Amino acid sequence: MLIGVLSDTHIVNIADGHPLAKKLLSGPFADVAAIIHAGDHVHPDLSSCFEPVPFYSVSGNMDKVSVDRPISRILSFADKRIGVVHGWGGGHSIEQRVMETFYSSNVDVIVFGHSHKPLCQRRGSVLLFNPGSPTDRRSAPFHSVGILTIGAEVTGRIIALD
């Protein structure tokens, strides 16, 4: 099972969301079973651009919290648990902070954003996964999204868009 992952899209106008969704759904997200967005959508209806693919998200610091977009959540795909949170604060310790969010939750993966820097790294038995940003790379080397492959274990892959 493939899961598309993105974060920090910062889409202000829904008209800008449609070209991004089309690019991703016809490219790296073509075969995904679902999409996870780790916050900072900005436009509250960004998920509609990705229909009919199931879209799960959390609120980032640039989003309004809603029932559909909690601050954090745990998703289950097959028998794997994925913790999702946007992240906060300075980049130097964001990994530690997001890991503490799910400390006693027995997750297989933690998906987060906020830093705009792609990361796919194991910390013990947990995969830490930040897809970067497809629209605002800041100090990252490229715009990016990610793919999680769910099998006997969960693996991740960062996909450079430029």
Protein backbone atom coordinates (compact mmCIF):
# COMPACT_ATOMS: atom_id res chain seq x y z
CA MET A 1 0.00 0.00 0.00
CA LEU A 2 1.30 3.44 -0.94
CA ILE A 3 0.46 6.60 1.01
CA GLY A 4 1.24 10.05 -0.40
CA VAL A 5 2.59 12.53 2.14
CA LEU A 6 2.88 16.29 1.91
CA SER A 7 3.14 19.25 4.24
CA ASP A 8 3.55 23.00 4.29
CA THR A 9 1.72 23.69 1.04
CA HIS A 10 0.70 27.20 2.19
CA ILE A 11 -2.01 27.37 -0.49
CA VAL A 12 -3.86 30.67 -0.01
CA ASN A 13 -6.18 30.45 -3.02
CA ILE A 14 -7.97 27.19 -3.83
CA ALA A 15 -7.31 27.87 -7.53
CA ASP A 16 -3.61 27.32 -6.75
CA GLY A 17 -4.42 23.98 -5.11
CA HIS A 18 -5.85 22.39 -8.25
CA PRO A 19 -2.64 22.53 -10.34
CA LEU A 20 -0.61 21.15 -7.41
CA ALA A 21 -3.08 18.29 -6.90
CA LYS A 22 -3.16 17.52 -10.63
CA LYS A 23 0.65 17.43 -10.78
CA LEU A 24 0.91 15.13 -7.76
CA LEU A 25 -2.02 12.84 -8.67
CA SER A 26 -0.69 12.32 -12.20
CA GLY A 27 2.89 11.94 -10.95
CA PRO A 28 4.24 10.73 -7.60
CA PHE A 29 0.78 10.19 -6.04
CA ALA A 30 -0.70 8.35 -9.06
CA ASP A 31 -1.01 5.01 -7.25
CA VAL A 32 -1.58 6.08 -3.64
CA ALA A 33 -4.39 4.64 -1.53
CA ALA A 34 -4.55 7.79 0.63
CA ILE A 35 -2.85 11.14 1.24
CA ILE A 36 -1.57 12.50 4.54
CA HIS A 37 -1.02 16.26 4.91
CA ALA A 38 1.07 17.28 7.94
CA GLY A 39 -0.34 20.78 8.26
CA ASP A 40 -0.02 24.34 6.98
CA HIS A 41 -2.57 23.86 4.21
CA VAL A 42 -3.66 27.48 4.82
CA HIS A 43 -6.73 27.18 2.58
CA PRO A 44 -9.31 25.16 4.57
CA ASP A 45 -10.66 23.29 1.51
CA LEU A 46 -7.36 22.09 0.03
CA SER A 47 -8.46 18.47 0.53
CA SER A 48 -11.19 18.95 -2.11
CA CYS A 49 -8.48 19.32 -4.77
CA PHE A 50 -7.36 15.73 -4.15
CA GLU A 51 -10.79 14.06 -4.37
CA PRO A 52 -11.63 11.20 -4.59
CA VAL A 53 -8.41 10.05 -2.85
CA PRO A 54 -8.92 9.80 0.94
CA PHE A 55 -7.17 12.79 2.55
CA TYR A 56 -6.11 12.89 6.21
CA SER A 57 -4.55 15.94 7.79
CA VAL A 58 -3.65 17.88 10.91
CA SER A 59 -3.54 21.59 11.57
CA GLY A 60 -0.31 23.49 11.36
CA ASN A 61 0.59 26.82 12.89
CA MET A 62 -0.85 28.62 9.82
CA ASP A 63 -4.19 26.73 9.93
CA LYS A 64 -7.38 27.05 11.91
CA VAL A 65 -8.00 23.96 14.04
CA SER A 66 -11.16 22.09 13.08
CA VAL A 67 -12.80 18.74 13.73
CA ASP A 68 -11.44 17.52 10.38
CA ARG A 69 -7.94 18.80 11.17
CA PRO A 70 -6.93 18.14 14.77
CA ILE A 71 -3.53 19.15 16.17
CA SER A 72 -2.38 15.53 16.08
CA ARG A 73 -3.84 12.17 15.17
CA ILE A 74 -3.02 8.51 14.76
CA LEU A 75 -4.01 6.78 11.54
CA SER A 76 -4.04 3.04 10.91
CA PHE A 77 -3.26 1.49 7.54
CA ALA A 78 -3.15 -2.29 7.41
CA ASP A 79 -1.68 -3.09 10.83
CA LYS A 80 0.61 -0.04 10.97
CA ARG A 81 0.06 3.06 13.11
CA ILE A 82 1.07 6.47 11.80
CA GLY A 83 1.24 9.44 14.15
CA VAL A 84 0.73 12.78 12.39
CA VAL A 85 1.54 16.20 13.84
CA HIS A 86 2.72 19.43 12.22
CA GLY A 87 5.50 20.31 14.66
CA TRP A 88 6.47 23.62 16.20
CA GLY A 89 9.36 25.73 17.37
CA GLY A 90 12.91 25.92 16.08
CA GLY A 91 14.26 23.30 13.73
CA HIS A 92 17.14 22.18 15.92
CA SER A 93 14.98 19.98 18.17
CA ILE A 94 11.78 19.41 16.21
CA GLU A 95 12.39 15.67 15.85
CA GLN A 96 12.61 15.24 19.63
CA ARG A 97 9.44 17.28 20.17
CA VAL A 98 7.36 15.31 17.65
CA MET A 99 8.64 12.01 19.06
CA GLU A 100 7.57 13.10 22.55
CA THR A 101 4.06 13.78 21.19
CA PHE A 102 3.65 10.07 20.45
CA TYR A 103 5.89 8.70 23.21
CA SER A 104 3.40 6.22 24.65
CA SER A 105 1.34 5.65 21.50
CA ASN A 106 3.20 2.70 19.97
CA VAL A 107 3.36 4.18 16.46
CA ASP A 108 5.39 2.79 13.57
CA VAL A 109 5.83 6.16 11.83
CA ILE A 110 5.68 9.81 12.82
CA VAL A 111 4.80 12.15 9.96
CA PHE A 112 5.49 15.83 10.61
CA GLY A 113 6.24 19.08 8.80
CA HIS A 114 6.91 22.66 9.91
CA SER A 115 10.64 22.81 9.06
CA HIS A 116 10.13 22.37 5.29
CA LYS A 117 13.19 20.09 5.37
CA PRO A 118 12.70 16.56 4.08
CA LEU A 119 13.67 13.77 6.47
CA CYS A 120 13.33 9.99 6.34
CA GLN A 121 15.19 8.49 9.26
CA ARG A 122 14.73 5.64 11.72
CA ARG A 123 14.89 6.39 15.43
CA GLY A 124 14.84 2.99 17.03
CA SER A 125 11.78 1.22 15.70
CA VAL A 126 10.03 4.44 14.61
CA LEU A 127 10.37 6.00 11.16
CA LEU A 128 10.50 9.81 11.36
CA PHE A 129 9.17 11.23 8.11
CA ASN A 130 8.98 14.86 6.99
CA PRO A 131 8.09 15.21 3.30
CA GLY A 132 9.41 18.78 3.06
CA SER A 133 7.26 21.19 1.06
CA PRO A 134 6.11 21.02 -2.56
CA THR A 135 5.65 24.80 -2.74
CA ASP A 136 8.06 26.56 -0.35
CA ARG A 137 11.46 24.95 0.05
CA ARG A 138 12.93 27.68 2.30
CA SER A 139 16.41 26.33 3.10
CA ALA A 140 15.71 22.80 1.81
CA PRO A 141 17.65 21.77 -1.30
CA PHE A 142 14.47 21.15 -3.37
CA HIS A 143 10.66 21.14 -3.29
CA SER A 144 9.46 17.71 -2.21
CA VAL A 145 6.74 15.29 -1.18
CA GLY A 146 6.96 11.76 0.17
CA ILE A 147 5.66 8.24 -0.27
CA LEU A 148 5.20 5.75 2.55
CA THR A 149 5.13 2.10 1.52
CA ILE A 150 3.24 -0.06 3.97
CA GLY A 151 4.25 -3.70 3.99
CA ALA A 152 5.81 -5.93 6.62
CA GLU A 153 7.42 -2.69 7.78
CA VAL A 154 6.89 0.90 6.72
CA THR A 155 9.48 2.51 4.48
CA GLY A 156 9.59 6.05 3.22
CA ARG A 157 10.89 7.81 0.16
CA ILE A 158 11.37 11.54 -0.39
CA ILE A 159 10.57 12.67 -3.93
CA ALA A 160 12.22 15.82 -5.26
CA LEU A 161 9.87 17.82 -7.47
CA ASP A 162 12.50 19.99 -9.12
